[in-house]
C-alpha atoms as a PDB file:
ATOM      1  CA  MET A   1     130.135 110.237  96.479  1.00  0.00           C
ATOM      2  CA  LEU A   2     127.529 107.670  97.072  1.00  0.00           C
ATOM      3  CA  LYS A   3     128.364 104.160  95.489  1.00  0.00           C
ATOM      4  CA  PRO A   4     125.850 101.537  94.261  1.00  0.00           C
ATOM      5  CA  LEU A   5     125.582  98.450  96.263  1.00  0.00           C
ATOM      6  CA  PRO A   6     126.810  95.848  97.435  1.00  0.00           C
ATOM      7  CA  VAL A   7     129.320  97.320  99.923  1.00  0.00           C
ATOM      8  CA  HIS A   8     132.835  96.038  99.347  1.00  0.00           C
ATOM      9  CA  PHE A   9     133.716  95.747 103.121  1.00  0.00           C
ATOM     10  CA  ASP A  10     133.741  92.714 105.355  1.00  0.00           C
ATOM     11  CA  LEU A  11     130.927  93.655 107.582  1.00  0.00           C
ATOM     12  CA  GLU A  12     130.663  90.475 109.519  1.00  0.00           C
ATOM     13  CA  THR A  13     132.981  91.400 112.330  1.00  0.00           C
ATOM     14  CA  LYS A  14     133.083  89.663 115.713  1.00  0.00           C
ATOM     15  CA  GLN A  15     130.934  92.228 117.227  1.00  0.00           C
ATOM     16  CA  VAL A  16     128.157  92.116 114.672  1.00  0.00           C
ATOM     17  CA  LEU A  17     128.098  88.356 114.678  1.00  0.00           C
ATOM     18  CA  ARG A  18     127.710  88.246 118.421  1.00  0.00           C
ATOM     19  CA  LYS A  19     124.865  90.465 118.368  1.00  0.00           C
ATOM     20  CA  LEU A  20     122.758  88.531 115.607  1.00  0.00           C
ATOM     21  CA  PRO A  21     121.587  85.442 117.616  1.00  0.00           C
ATOM     22  CA  ALA A  22     119.745  87.281 120.369  1.00  0.00           C
ATOM     23  CA  ALA A  23     118.132  89.420 117.626  1.00  0.00           C
ATOM     24  CA  HIS A  24     116.926  86.441 115.637  1.00  0.00           C
ATOM     25  CA  ALA A  25     115.605  84.818 118.797  1.00  0.00           C
ATOM     26  CA  ALA A  26     113.544  87.738 119.686  1.00  0.00           C
ATOM     27  CA  LEU A  27     112.133  87.895 116.138  1.00  0.00           C
ATOM     28  CA  ALA A  28     111.323  84.329 116.002  1.00  0.00           C
ATOM     29  CA  GLU A  29     109.380  84.572 119.429  1.00  0.00           C
ATOM     30  CA  LEU A  30     107.660  87.585 118.288  1.00  0.00           C
ATOM     31  CA  LYS A  31     106.634  85.888 115.127  1.00  0.00           C
ATOM     32  CA  VAL A  32     105.022  82.850 116.768  1.00  0.00           C
ATOM     33  CA  LEU A  33     103.435  84.905 119.461  1.00  0.00           C
ATOM     34  CA  ALA A  34     101.881  87.293 117.029  1.00  0.00           C
ATOM     35  CA  GLU A  35     100.249  84.331 115.070  1.00  0.00           C
ATOM     36  CA  THR A  36      98.523  82.978 118.272  1.00  0.00           C
ATOM     37  CA  LEU A  37      95.926  86.187 118.211  1.00  0.00           C
ATOM     38  CA  PRO A  38      92.732  85.329 116.372  1.00  0.00           C
ATOM     39  CA  ASP A  39      92.493  88.524 114.131  1.00  0.00           C
ATOM     40  CA  PRO A  40      96.024  89.911 113.030  1.00  0.00           C
ATOM     41  CA  ASN A  41      94.204  93.249 112.561  1.00  0.00           C
ATOM     42  CA  ILE A  42      94.075  93.670 116.425  1.00  0.00           C
ATOM     43  CA  LEU A  43      98.046  93.935 116.286  1.00  0.00           C
ATOM     44  CA  ILE A  44      98.383  95.720 112.895  1.00  0.00           C
ATOM     45  CA  ASN A  45      95.798  98.450 114.001  1.00  0.00           C
ATOM     46  CA  THR A  46      96.773  99.140 117.500  1.00  0.00           C
ATOM     47  CA  LEU A  47     100.453  98.690 117.305  1.00  0.00           C
ATOM     48  CA  GLY A  48     100.352 100.447 113.820  1.00  0.00           C
ATOM     49  CA  LEU A  49      98.710 103.473 115.293  1.00  0.00           C
ATOM     50  CA  GLN A  50     101.552 103.691 117.832  1.00  0.00           C
ATOM     51  CA  GLU A  51     104.331 103.321 115.257  1.00  0.00           C
ATOM     52  CA  ALA A  52     102.589 105.842 113.029  1.00  0.00           C
ATOM     53  CA  LYS A  53     102.633 108.269 115.804  1.00  0.00           C
ATOM     54  CA  ASP A  54     106.279 107.520 116.846  1.00  0.00           C
ATOM     55  CA  SER A  55     107.532 107.690 113.246  1.00  0.00           C
ATOM     56  CA  SER A  56     105.872 110.912 112.483  1.00  0.00           C
ATOM     57  CA  ALA A  57     107.422 112.187 115.785  1.00  0.00           C
ATOM     58  CA  VAL A  58     110.982 111.481 114.434  1.00  0.00           C
ATOM     59  CA  GLU A  59     109.921 114.224 111.882  1.00  0.00           C
ATOM     60  CA  ASN A  60     108.609 116.529 114.393  1.00  0.00           C
ATOM     61  CA  ILE A  61     105.178 115.869 113.412  1.00  0.00           C
ATOM     62  CA  ILE A  62     103.531 115.723 116.875  1.00  0.00           C
ATOM     63  CA  THR A  63     100.088 114.279 117.773  1.00  0.00           C
ATOM     64  CA  THR A  64      98.631 113.210 120.845  1.00  0.00           C
ATOM     65  CA  HIS A  65      97.105 109.710 121.216  1.00  0.00           C
ATOM     66  CA  ASP A  66      93.774 111.174 121.639  1.00  0.00           C
ATOM     67  CA  GLU A  67      94.056 113.115 118.490  1.00  0.00           C
ATOM     68  CA  LEU A  68      95.309 109.937 116.587  1.00  0.00           C
ATOM     69  CA  TYR A  69      92.402 107.777 117.877  1.00  0.00           C
ATOM     70  CA  LYS A  70      89.793 110.268 117.241  1.00  0.00           C
ATOM     71  CA  SER A  71      91.170 110.631 113.663  1.00  0.00           C
ATOM     72  CA  GLU A  72      90.472 106.869 113.043  1.00  0.00           C
ATOM     73  CA  LEU A  73      86.839 107.315 113.689  1.00  0.00           C
ATOM     74  CA  PHE A  74      86.590 109.394 110.496  1.00  0.00           C
ATOM     75  CA  PHE A  75      84.218 112.078 112.060  1.00  0.00           C
ATOM     76  CA  GLU A  76      83.830 114.971 109.725  1.00  0.00           C
ATOM     77  CA  ASP A  77      83.610 117.361 112.681  1.00  0.00           C
ATOM     78  CA  TYR A  78      87.142 116.370 113.686  1.00  0.00           C
ATOM     79  CA  LYS A  79      90.299 117.114 111.588  1.00  0.00           C
ATOM     80  CA  SER A  80      93.643 117.622 112.868  1.00  0.00           C
ATOM     81  CA  LEU A  81      96.459 118.124 110.306  1.00  0.00           C
ATOM     82  CA  SER A  82      99.128 116.147 112.584  1.00  0.00           C
ATOM     83  CA  ALA A  83      96.652 113.235 113.127  1.00  0.00           C
ATOM     84  CA  LYS A  84      95.955 113.121 109.112  1.00  0.00           C
ATOM     85  CA  GLU A  85      99.479 112.796 108.609  1.00  0.00           C
ATOM     86  CA  VAL A  86      99.788 110.049 111.181  1.00  0.00           C
ATOM     87  CA  GLN A  87      96.799 108.495 109.417  1.00  0.00           C
ATOM     88  CA  ASN A  88      98.521 108.528 106.057  1.00  0.00           C
ATOM     89  CA  TYR A  89     101.477 106.825 107.608  1.00  0.00           C
ATOM     90  CA  ILE A  90      99.025 103.945 108.646  1.00  0.00           C
ATOM     91  CA  ALA A  91      97.655 103.695 105.178  1.00  0.00           C
ATOM     92  CA  ALA A  92     100.944 103.784 103.565  1.00  0.00           C
ATOM     93  CA  THR A  93     102.106 100.906 105.743  1.00  0.00           C
ATOM     94  CA  LYS A  94      99.179  98.727 104.869  1.00  0.00           C
ATOM     95  CA  THR A  95      99.527  99.670 101.317  1.00  0.00           C
ATOM     96  CA  GLY A  96     103.096  98.497 101.253  1.00  0.00           C
ATOM     97  CA  TYR A  97     102.252  95.244 103.102  1.00  0.00           C
ATOM     98  CA  HIS A  98      99.456  94.460 100.776  1.00  0.00           C
ATOM     99  CA  LEU A  99     101.589  95.002  97.706  1.00  0.00           C
ATOM    100  CA  LEU A 100     104.371  92.867  99.102  1.00  0.00           C
ATOM    101  CA  GLN A 101     101.979  89.936  99.693  1.00  0.00           C
ATOM    102  CA  GLN A 102     100.687  90.292  95.877  1.00  0.00           C
ATOM    103  CA  THR A 103     104.060  90.560  94.440  1.00  0.00           C
ATOM    104  CA  GLY A 104     106.464  88.941  96.946  1.00  0.00           C
ATOM    105  CA  MET A 105     108.815  91.800  96.013  1.00  0.00           C
ATOM    106  CA  LEU A 106     109.693  95.279  97.329  1.00  0.00           C
ATOM    107  CA  THR A 107     109.683  97.214  93.873  1.00  0.00           C
ATOM    108  CA  ASN A 108     110.206 100.807  92.956  1.00  0.00           C
ATOM    109  CA  ARG A 109     106.461 101.012  92.456  1.00  0.00           C
ATOM    110  CA  THR A 110     105.818  99.968  95.783  1.00  0.00           C
ATOM    111  CA  ILE A 111     108.138 102.498  97.223  1.00  0.00           C
ATOM    112  CA  LEU A 112     106.683 105.335  95.266  1.00  0.00           C
ATOM    113  CA  GLN A 113     102.996 104.277  96.358  1.00  0.00           C
ATOM    114  CA  ILE A 114     104.117 104.298  99.940  1.00  0.00           C
ATOM    115  CA  HIS A 115     105.491 107.704  99.608  1.00  0.00           C
ATOM    116  CA  GLU A 116     102.544 109.073  97.641  1.00  0.00           C
ATOM    117  CA  ILE A 117     100.232 108.102 100.500  1.00  0.00           C
ATOM    118  CA  LEU A 118     102.317 109.437 103.084  1.00  0.00           C
ATOM    119  CA  GLU A 119     102.843 112.766 101.625  1.00  0.00           C
ATOM    120  CA  ALA A 120      99.343 112.930  99.723  1.00  0.00           C
ATOM    121  CA  ASN A 121     101.162 113.993  96.462  1.00  0.00           C
ATOM    122  CA  LYS A 122     102.681 112.480  93.503  1.00  0.00           C
ATOM    123  CA  ALA A 123     105.973 114.337  93.435  1.00  0.00           C
ATOM    124  CA  GLY A 124     107.990 111.266  93.148  1.00  0.00           C
ATOM    125  CA  TYR A 125     111.660 111.053  93.163  1.00  0.00           C
ATOM    126  CA  ARG A 126     113.453 114.354  93.528  1.00  0.00           C
ATOM    127  CA  LYS A 127     114.017 116.328  89.992  1.00  0.00           C
ATOM    128  CA  LEU A 128     115.466 119.575  91.146  1.00  0.00           C
ATOM    129  CA  PRO A 129     118.699 120.116  92.850  1.00  0.00           C
ATOM    130  CA  GLY A 130     119.180 121.965  96.073  1.00  0.00           C
ATOM    131  CA  THR A 131     118.173 119.266  98.720  1.00  0.00           C
ATOM    132  CA  LYS A 132     120.585 119.373 101.647  1.00  0.00           C
ATOM    133  CA  ILE A 133     120.549 117.479 105.127  1.00  0.00           C
ATOM    134  CA  LYS A 134     120.978 120.460 107.810  1.00  0.00           C
ATOM    135  CA  ASN A 135     121.467 120.325 111.504  1.00  0.00           C
ATOM    136  CA  THR A 136     118.051 121.803 112.679  1.00  0.00           C
ATOM    137  CA  HIS A 137     119.641 123.800 115.473  1.00  0.00           C
ATOM    138  CA  THR A 138     122.633 125.302 113.725  1.00  0.00           C
ATOM    139  CA  GLY A 139     122.001 125.544 109.996  1.00  0.00           C
ATOM    140  CA  GLU A 140     125.134 123.378 109.367  1.00  0.00           C
ATOM    141  CA  ILE A 141     125.112 121.213 106.204  1.00  0.00           C
ATOM    142  CA  ILE A 142     125.491 117.694 107.733  1.00  0.00           C
ATOM    143  CA  TYR A 143     125.308 115.849 104.197  1.00  0.00           C
ATOM    144  CA  GLU A 144     124.473 116.539 100.650  1.00  0.00           C
ATOM    145  CA  PRO A 145     122.686 113.622  98.732  1.00  0.00           C
ATOM    146  CA  PRO A 146     122.806 112.919  95.102  1.00  0.00           C
ATOM    147  CA  GLN A 147     121.237 115.835  93.096  1.00  0.00           C
ATOM    148  CA  ASP A 148     121.049 114.624  89.586  1.00  0.00           C
ATOM    149  CA  PRO A 149     117.721 112.900  88.772  1.00  0.00           C
ATOM    150  CA  ASP A 150     119.362 110.163  86.711  1.00  0.00           C
ATOM    151  CA  THR A 151     121.636 109.393  89.472  1.00  0.00           C
ATOM    152  CA  ILE A 152     118.724 109.021  92.112  1.00  0.00           C
ATOM    153  CA  ILE A 153     116.965 106.771  89.645  1.00  0.00           C
ATOM    154  CA  ALA A 154     119.903 104.782  89.013  1.00  0.00           C
ATOM    155  CA  LEU A 155     120.780 104.390  92.799  1.00  0.00           C
ATOM    156  CA  MET A 156     117.053 103.406  93.547  1.00  0.00           C
ATOM    157  CA  SER A 157     116.908 100.734  90.804  1.00  0.00           C
ATOM    158  CA  ASN A 158     120.189  99.401  92.294  1.00  0.00           C
ATOM    159  CA  LEU A 159     118.583  99.504  95.737  1.00  0.00           C
ATOM    160  CA  VAL A 160     115.588  97.785  94.747  1.00  0.00           C
ATOM    161  CA  GLN A 161     117.609  94.995  92.993  1.00  0.00           C
ATOM    162  CA  PHE A 162     119.843  94.615  96.212  1.00  0.00           C
ATOM    163  CA  ILE A 163     116.598  94.351  98.398  1.00  0.00           C
ATOM    164  CA  ASN A 164     115.089  91.611  96.151  1.00  0.00           C
ATOM    165  CA  ASP A 165     117.952  89.287  94.952  1.00  0.00           C
ATOM    166  CA  ASN A 166     119.496  87.546  97.791  1.00  0.00           C
ATOM    167  CA  GLU A 167     122.400  86.377  95.619  1.00  0.00           C
ATOM    168  CA  ILE A 168     123.896  89.842  95.370  1.00  0.00           C
ATOM    169  CA  SER A 169     124.894  89.689  99.138  1.00  0.00           C
ATOM    170  CA  ASP A 170     125.082  86.656 101.515  1.00  0.00           C
ATOM    171  CA  TYR A 171     125.101  88.616 104.541  1.00  0.00           C
ATOM    172  CA  ASP A 172     122.639  88.003 107.275  1.00  0.00           C
ATOM    173  CA  PRO A 173     119.265  89.594 106.781  1.00  0.00           C
ATOM    174  CA  LEU A 174     119.697  91.879 109.640  1.00  0.00           C
ATOM    175  CA  ILE A 175     122.897  93.140 108.476  1.00  0.00           C
ATOM    176  CA  THR A 176     121.423  93.563 104.871  1.00  0.00           C
ATOM    177  CA  MET A 177     118.651  95.550 106.473  1.00  0.00           C
ATOM    178  CA  ALA A 178     121.135  98.057 108.047  1.00  0.00           C
ATOM    179  CA  ILE A 179     122.742  98.450 104.542  1.00  0.00           C
ATOM    180  CA  ILE A 180     119.455  99.063 102.948  1.00  0.00           C
ATOM    181  CA  HIS A 181     118.434 101.527 105.546  1.00  0.00           C
ATOM    182  CA  TYR A 182     121.797 103.577 105.260  1.00  0.00           C
ATOM    183  CA  GLN A 183     121.449 103.650 101.391  1.00  0.00           C
ATOM    184  CA  PHE A 184     117.842 104.657 101.162  1.00  0.00           C
ATOM    185  CA  GLU A 185     118.663 107.499 103.715  1.00  0.00           C
ATOM    186  CA  SER A 186     121.530 108.541 101.960  1.00  0.00           C
ATOM    187  CA  ILE A 187     119.917 108.593  98.549  1.00  0.00           C
ATOM    188  CA  HIS A 188     117.201 110.603 100.163  1.00  0.00           C
ATOM    189  CA  PRO A 189     115.143 110.198  96.909  1.00  0.00           C
ATOM    190  CA  PHE A 190     112.302 112.264  97.901  1.00  0.00           C
ATOM    191  CA  TYR A 191     111.762 115.921  98.687  1.00  0.00           C
ATOM    192  CA  ASP A 192     110.160 115.102 102.003  1.00  0.00           C
ATOM    193  CA  GLY A 193     109.036 111.949 103.963  1.00  0.00           C
ATOM    194  CA  ASN A 194     112.276 109.944 103.581  1.00  0.00           C
ATOM    195  CA  GLY A 195     112.722 108.860 107.142  1.00  0.00           C
ATOM    196  CA  ARG A 196     109.060 107.575 107.332  1.00  0.00           C
ATOM    197  CA  THR A 197     109.319 105.918 104.070  1.00  0.00           C
ATOM    198  CA  GLY A 198     112.681 104.268 104.941  1.00  0.00           C
ATOM    199  CA  ARG A 199     111.280 103.039 108.252  1.00  0.00           C
ATOM    200  CA  ILE A 200     108.263 101.289 106.382  1.00  0.00           C
ATOM    201  CA  ILE A 201     110.952  99.733 104.122  1.00  0.00           C
ATOM    202  CA  ASN A 202     112.700  98.273 107.125  1.00  0.00           C
ATOM    203  CA  LEU A 203     109.496  96.595 108.125  1.00  0.00           C
ATOM    204  CA  LEU A 204     108.582  95.342 104.882  1.00  0.00           C
ATOM    205  CA  TYR A 205     112.069  93.944 104.389  1.00  0.00           C
ATOM    206  CA  LEU A 206     111.721  91.768 107.454  1.00  0.00           C
ATOM    207  CA  ILE A 207     108.412  90.355 105.948  1.00  0.00           C
ATOM    208  CA  LEU A 208     110.170  89.770 102.663  1.00  0.00           C
ATOM    209  CA  GLN A 209     112.883  87.685 104.475  1.00  0.00           C
ATOM    210  CA  ASN A 210     110.071  85.683 106.269  1.00  0.00           C
ATOM    211  CA  LEU A 211     111.580  87.045 109.594  1.00  0.00           C
ATOM    212  CA  GLN A 212     108.021  88.362 110.412  1.00  0.00           C
ATOM    213  CA  THR A 213     104.565  87.622 108.752  1.00  0.00           C
ATOM    214  CA  MET A 214     102.844  90.873 109.522  1.00  0.00           C
ATOM    215  CA  PRO A 215     103.845  94.494 110.023  1.00  0.00           C
ATOM    216  CA  ILE A 216     104.134  94.815 113.785  1.00  0.00           C
ATOM    217  CA  LEU A 217     107.779  95.373 114.485  1.00  0.00           C
ATOM    218  CA  TYR A 218     108.132  99.136 114.521  1.00  0.00           C
ATOM    219  CA  LEU A 219     111.510 100.658 115.198  1.00  0.00           C
ATOM    220  CA  SER A 220     110.517 104.125 115.548  1.00  0.00           C
ATOM    221  CA  ASN A 221     110.444 104.491 119.317  1.00  0.00           C
ATOM    222  CA  PHE A 222     114.156 103.162 119.499  1.00  0.00           C
ATOM    223  CA  VAL A 223     115.193 105.834 117.035  1.00  0.00           C
ATOM    224  CA  ILE A 224     113.298 108.508 119.010  1.00  0.00           C
ATOM    225  CA  ASN A 225     114.982 107.375 122.286  1.00  0.00           C
ATOM    226  CA  ASN A 226     118.594 107.336 120.307  1.00  0.00           C
ATOM    227  CA  LYS A 227     117.899 110.075 117.793  1.00  0.00           C
ATOM    228  CA  THR A 228     121.233 111.756 118.110  1.00  0.00           C
ATOM    229  CA  ARG A 229     123.277 108.575 117.880  1.00  0.00           C
ATOM    230  CA  TYR A 230     121.114 107.315 115.147  1.00  0.00           C
ATOM    231  CA  TYR A 231     121.999 110.591 112.804  1.00  0.00           C
ATOM    232  CA  HIS A 232     125.763 110.619 114.269  1.00  0.00           C
ATOM    233  CA  LEU A 233     126.169 106.877 112.986  1.00  0.00           C
ATOM    234  CA  LEU A 234     124.700 107.572 109.633  1.00  0.00           C
ATOM    235  CA  LYS A 235     126.990 110.559 109.174  1.00  0.00           C
ATOM    236  CA  GLN A 236     130.088 108.393 110.373  1.00  0.00           C
ATOM    237  CA  VAL A 237     129.166 105.720 107.712  1.00  0.00           C
ATOM    238  CA  HIS A 238     129.034 108.211 104.979  1.00  0.00           C
ATOM    239  CA  ASN A 239     132.281 110.220 105.973  1.00  0.00           C
ATOM    240  CA  GLN A 240     134.394 107.267 107.316  1.00  0.00           C
ATOM    241  CA  GLN A 241     132.644 104.154 106.196  1.00  0.00           C
ATOM    242  CA  THR A 242     132.623 103.043 109.819  1.00  0.00           C
ATOM    243  CA  TRP A 243     129.910 100.126 109.348  1.00  0.00           C
ATOM    244  CA  GLU A 244     130.312  98.183 112.269  1.00  0.00           C
ATOM    245  CA  GLU A 245     128.918 100.576 114.865  1.00  0.00           C
ATOM    246  CA  TRP A 246     125.849 101.331 112.532  1.00  0.00           C
ATOM    247  CA  ILE A 247     125.054  97.724 112.036  1.00  0.00           C
ATOM    248  CA  VAL A 248     125.383  97.058 115.782  1.00  0.00           C
ATOM    249  CA  PHE A 249     122.922  99.886 116.481  1.00  0.00           C
ATOM    250  CA  MET A 250     120.479  98.555 114.092  1.00  0.00           C
ATOM    251  CA  ILE A 251     120.546  94.924 115.215  1.00  0.00           C
ATOM    252  CA  THR A 252     120.196  96.251 118.794  1.00  0.00           C
ATOM    253  CA  CYS A 253     117.225  98.369 117.487  1.00  0.00           C
ATOM    254  CA  VAL A 254     115.595  95.281 116.153  1.00  0.00           C
ATOM    255  CA  GLU A 255     116.294  93.129 119.256  1.00  0.00           C
ATOM    256  CA  THR A 256     115.071  95.869 121.593  1.00  0.00           C
ATOM    257  CA  THR A 257     112.033  96.564 119.903  1.00  0.00           C
ATOM    258  CA  ALA A 258     111.073  92.790 119.241  1.00  0.00           C
ATOM    259  CA  ARG A 259     111.383  92.307 123.115  1.00  0.00           C
ATOM    260  CA  GLU A 260     109.252  95.271 123.891  1.00  0.00           C
ATOM    261  CA  THR A 261     106.607  94.235 121.296  1.00  0.00           C
ATOM    262  CA  ILE A 262     106.409  90.865 122.737  1.00  0.00           C
ATOM    263  CA  GLU A 263     105.845  92.248 126.369  1.00  0.00           C
ATOM    264  CA  LYS A 264     102.956  94.529 124.811  1.00  0.00           C
ATOM    265  CA  ILE A 265     101.372  91.683 122.814  1.00  0.00           C
ATOM    266  CA  VAL A 266     101.251  89.424 126.062  1.00  0.00           C
ATOM    267  CA  ALA A 267      99.753  92.418 127.839  1.00  0.00           C
ATOM    268  CA  ILE A 268      97.258  92.698 125.210  1.00  0.00           C
ATOM    269  CA  LYS A 269      96.212  88.943 125.322  1.00  0.00           C
ATOM    270  CA  LYS A 270      95.899  89.168 128.981  1.00  0.00           C
ATOM    271  CA  LEU A 271      93.622  92.080 128.692  1.00  0.00           C
ATOM    272  CA  MET A 272      91.507  90.574 125.897  1.00  0.00           C
ATOM    273  CA  LEU A 273      91.031  87.432 127.881  1.00  0.00           C
ATOM    274  CA  GLN A 274      89.878  89.573 131.060  1.00  0.00           C
ATOM    275  CA  THR A 275      87.645  91.506 128.807  1.00  0.00           C
ATOM    276  CA  LYS A 276      86.300  88.322 127.101  1.00  0.00           C
ATOM    277  CA  LEU A 277      85.377  86.668 130.205  1.00  0.00           C
ATOM    278  CA  GLN A 278      83.846  89.855 131.893  1.00  0.00           C
ATOM    279  CA  ILE A 279      81.466  90.404 128.909  1.00  0.00           C
ATOM    280  CA  LYS A 280      80.830  86.614 128.271  1.00  0.00           C
ATOM    281  CA  ASN A 281      79.997  85.989 131.876  1.00  0.00           C
ATOM    282  CA  ASN A 282      77.633  89.278 132.032  1.00  0.00           C
ATOM    283  CA  TYR A 283      75.905  89.814 129.001  1.00  0.00           C
ATOM    284  CA  LYS A 284      73.999  87.788 126.301  1.00  0.00           C
ATOM    285  CA  PHE A 285      75.346  89.709 123.404  1.00  0.00           C
ATOM    286  CA  TYR A 286      78.934  88.456 123.736  1.00  0.00           C
ATOM    287  CA  SER A 287      80.701  87.412 120.539  1.00  0.00           C
ATOM    288  CA  PRO A 288      84.170  86.927 119.606  1.00  0.00           C
ATOM    289  CA  GLU A 289      83.870  89.612 116.867  1.00  0.00           C
ATOM    290  CA  LEU A 290      82.765  92.074 119.661  1.00  0.00           C
ATOM    291  CA  ILE A 291      85.883  91.550 121.330  1.00  0.00           C
ATOM    292  CA  HIS A 292      88.062  91.731 118.149  1.00  0.00           C
ATOM    293  CA  ASN A 293      86.171  95.120 117.359  1.00  0.00           C
ATOM    294  CA  LEU A 294      87.045  96.650 120.844  1.00  0.00           C
ATOM    295  CA  PHE A 295      90.668  95.591 120.560  1.00  0.00           C
ATOM    296  CA  LYS A 296      91.138  96.637 117.040  1.00  0.00           C
ATOM    297  CA  HIS A 297      89.958  99.992 117.815  1.00  0.00           C
ATOM    298  CA  PRO A 298      90.966 101.787 121.151  1.00  0.00           C
ATOM    299  CA  TYR A 299      88.216 104.336 120.132  1.00  0.00           C
ATOM    300  CA  THR A 300      85.235 102.433 118.591  1.00  0.00           C
ATOM    301  CA  LYS A 301      81.890 103.845 117.265  1.00  0.00           C
ATOM    302  CA  ILE A 302      78.488 102.399 116.231  1.00  0.00           C
ATOM    303  CA  GLU A 303      79.542 102.090 112.486  1.00  0.00           C
ATOM    304  CA  PHE A 304      82.529  99.852 113.469  1.00  0.00           C
ATOM    305  CA  VAL A 305      80.421  97.518 115.380  1.00  0.00           C
ATOM    306  CA  VAL A 306      77.640  97.427 112.591  1.00  0.00           C
ATOM    307  CA  HIS A 307      80.463  96.478 109.954  1.00  0.00           C
ATOM    308  CA  ASP A 308      82.364  93.972 112.188  1.00  0.00           C
ATOM    309  CA  LEU A 309      79.082  92.221 113.926  1.00  0.00           C
ATOM    310  CA  GLY A 310      76.797  92.419 110.920  1.00  0.00           C
ATOM    311  CA  VAL A 311      74.073  93.842 113.309  1.00  0.00           C
ATOM    312  CA  THR A 312      71.789  96.935 112.878  1.00  0.00           C
ATOM    313  CA  ARG A 313      72.784 100.421 114.154  1.00  0.00           C
ATOM    314  CA  LEU A 314      70.138 100.061 116.999  1.00  0.00           C
ATOM    315  CA  THR A 315      71.543  96.702 118.097  1.00  0.00           C
ATOM    316  CA  ALA A 316      75.241  98.056 117.997  1.00  0.00           C
ATOM    317  CA  ALA A 317      74.176 101.142 119.929  1.00  0.00           C
ATOM    318  CA  ASN A 318      72.625  99.075 122.688  1.00  0.00           C
ATOM    319  CA  TYR A 319      75.713  97.008 122.917  1.00  0.00           C
ATOM    320  CA  LEU A 320      78.059  99.934 123.277  1.00  0.00           C
ATOM    321  CA  ASN A 321      75.801 102.029 125.526  1.00  0.00           C
ATOM    322  CA  LYS A 322      75.395  99.052 127.824  1.00  0.00           C
ATOM    323  CA  LEU A 323      79.008  98.512 128.040  1.00  0.00           C
ATOM    324  CA  ALA A 324      79.752 102.233 128.760  1.00  0.00           C
ATOM    325  CA  ALA A 325      76.978 102.308 131.474  1.00  0.00           C
ATOM    326  CA  ASP A 326      78.939  99.438 133.356  1.00  0.00           C
ATOM    327  CA  LYS A 327      82.293 101.201 132.731  1.00  0.00           C
ATOM    328  CA  ILE A 328      83.723  98.698 130.543  1.00  0.00           C
ATOM    329  CA  LEU A 329      84.025 101.446 127.948  1.00  0.00           C
ATOM    330  CA  ILE A 330      83.749 105.178 128.302  1.00  0.00           C
ATOM    331  CA  LYS A 331      81.462 107.083 126.228  1.00  0.00           C
ATOM    332  CA  HIS A 332      82.215 110.590 124.651  1.00  0.00           C
ATOM    333  CA  LYS A 333      80.530 112.917 122.173  1.00  0.00           C
ATOM    334  CA  LEU A 334      82.379 114.190 119.176  1.00  0.00           C
ATOM    335  CA  GLY A 335      80.386 116.726 117.084  1.00  0.00           C
ATOM    336  CA  THR A 336      77.159 114.877 116.053  1.00  0.00           C
ATOM    337  CA  GLY A 337      78.291 111.390 116.801  1.00  0.00           C
ATOM    338  CA  ASN A 338      79.530 109.279 119.881  1.00  0.00           C
ATOM    339  CA  TYR A 339      82.546 107.408 120.451  1.00  0.00           C
ATOM    340  CA  TYR A 340      83.399 104.832 123.045  1.00  0.00           C
ATOM    341  CA  ILE A 341      87.078 104.442 124.537  1.00  0.00           C
ATOM    342  CA  ASN A 342      88.403 100.802 125.462  1.00  0.00           C
ATOM    343  CA  HIS A 343      90.006 102.688 128.348  1.00  0.00           C
ATOM    344  CA  GLN A 344      92.189  99.791 129.709  1.00  0.00           C
ATOM    345  CA  LEU A 345      93.602  99.185 126.224  1.00  0.00           C
ATOM    346  CA  PHE A 346      94.287 102.866 125.868  1.00  0.00           C
ATOM    347  CA  ASP A 347      96.239 102.966 129.049  1.00  0.00           C
ATOM    348  CA  LEU A 348      98.233  99.785 128.129  1.00  0.00           C
ATOM    349  CA  LEU A 349      99.067 101.353 124.725  1.00  0.00           C
ATOM    350  CA  THR A 350      99.844 104.764 125.973  1.00  0.00           C
ATOM    351  CA  ASN A 351     101.428 104.006 129.348  1.00  0.00           C
ATOM    352  CA  GLY A 352     102.419 100.465 129.198  1.00  0.00           C
ATOM    353  CA  LYS A 353      99.768  99.779 132.093  1.00  0.00           C
END
């Protein structure tokens, strides 16, 4: 039976404590580096798209980068169910981030709103029994979460209090994050979308604890690469209370992801500078806002440039067509509209090159 928090075990083992300094150092470096970019939306959009794709892939919602970036263009002619679900993830993350900024807390209301946007419904917390976590290959029941609606609500209220009241537990925030993630996934409060909601909660908790300032540290890729171990360790905590391995896994996840994100931001900044110099030295229409647009949207279109630069449609089209003619962008047609790919950024985000 799942118990309310806090956990009544000594979780600060030698192995756990040894892992913490490197993870915190990576988080601090990432936080400073992210704040050096002129427009935070460059990272929130580009890295957020990648996370949304990866987090959905954990739940076997598969989309290609091309589908995903096309869906961001909002062309009526192009609709993909998988890409729409991934777009919902991006919208849910941004909503959670804005609510956190407004309230300074991670509340039940915020969690419910995140899930509502993710799943595009208002089902809320589970009210009917019968939910079981099964092995997708064998059908074996791995875990049965709480079934009673009142129990679910009580456990979620307890979890939210644990998240927001630092006096309940004096553990390091990364240990606390691992506890929160285990507890949320074990409550399994929704009929669907628990994994994606839980990963957004991880992200928002790091911001709540001032370990990050914007939603750019995305853990889903690490989970995908270690999916079997991730689920095995969750099961081990539930069955045997083996917390140490789970917490070490989550701290490693944070450190590894932070280091990879640092490398990606450094590469984005380098590419931004190259593109800036190329456009500034060769075109009279250079502006910082144009560079920001091209890096916020791997696939951009005339309407995005009109909005970001405050120019007419004809002017925006002239800018984009000139850059496409000179191979800085690649122009494509989609339905009745055109879109323009920042192909070097696309390659960096999809292949790391």
